[in-house]
Amino acid sequence: MALTALAQVLGGANKVAYATSIDNVPNLRIVNFVWDATTPAILYFASVRDSQGV
């Protein structure tokens, strides 16, 4: 994906779905994020420690 397309997607959203799996058990969390176009390789996530997966 070109950086301009990435900037358009990330610039128009404030949440992202973050999916993981441990022992084939999926876990999905919706988290807030911050992205700065001047450091495109870094995406910062925010979440609550005891939040439940969906």
Protein backbone atom coordinates (compact mmCIF):
# COMPACT_ATOMS: atom_id res chain seq x y z
CA MET A 1 0.00 0.00 0.00
CA ALA A 2 1.41 3.39 -0.93
CA LEU A 3 2.07 5.79 1.93
CA THR A 4 -0.54 8.21 0.57
CA ALA A 5 -3.22 5.50 0.74
CA LEU A 6 -2.09 4.56 4.25
CA ALA A 7 -2.22 8.20 5.33
CA GLN A 8 -5.75 8.50 3.94
CA VAL A 9 -6.96 5.40 5.81
CA LEU A 10 -5.26 6.21 9.11
CA GLY A 11 -6.12 9.90 8.89
CA GLY A 12 -9.82 9.10 8.61
CA ALA A 13 -10.11 6.71 11.57
CA ASN A 14 -9.59 6.81 15.32
CA LYS A 15 -10.02 3.11 16.11
CA VAL A 16 -8.58 -0.09 14.73
CA ALA A 17 -9.40 -3.77 15.23
CA TYR A 18 -6.37 -5.55 16.72
CA ALA A 19 -6.53 -9.34 16.37
CA THR A 20 -4.31 -11.97 17.99
CA SER A 21 -4.51 -15.72 18.56
CA ILE A 22 -3.05 -17.92 21.29
CA ASP A 23 -3.37 -21.70 20.97
CA ASN A 24 -5.79 -21.17 18.05
CA VAL A 25 -8.14 -19.10 20.25
CA PRO A 26 -8.83 -15.79 18.50
CA ASN A 27 -8.96 -12.53 20.42
CA LEU A 28 -10.14 -9.25 18.90
CA ARG A 29 -9.95 -5.84 20.54
CA ILE A 30 -11.11 -2.50 19.22
CA VAL A 31 -8.50 0.05 20.32
CA ASN A 32 -7.81 3.74 19.89
CA PHE A 33 -4.68 4.63 17.98
CA VAL A 34 -2.52 7.57 17.03
CA TRP A 35 -0.49 7.79 13.85
CA ASP A 36 1.84 10.62 12.85
CA ALA A 37 2.70 10.93 9.15
CA THR A 38 6.19 12.18 10.05
CA THR A 39 6.97 8.75 11.58
CA PRO A 40 4.98 6.41 9.30
CA ALA A 41 6.52 3.19 10.70
CA ILE A 42 5.06 3.79 14.19
CA LEU A 43 1.44 3.25 15.23
CA TYR A 44 0.59 3.90 18.90
CA PHE A 45 -2.23 1.91 20.53
CA ALA A 46 -4.26 2.71 23.63
CA SER A 47 -6.28 0.15 25.54
CA VAL A 48 -7.64 -0.55 28.99
CA ARG A 49 -5.78 -3.26 30.89
CA ASP A 50 -8.83 -5.35 31.87
CA SER A 51 -10.92 -4.80 28.73
CA GLN A 52 -12.70 -7.87 27.38
CA GLY A 53 -11.99 -9.20 23.91
CA VAL A 54 -14.90 -9.42 21.48
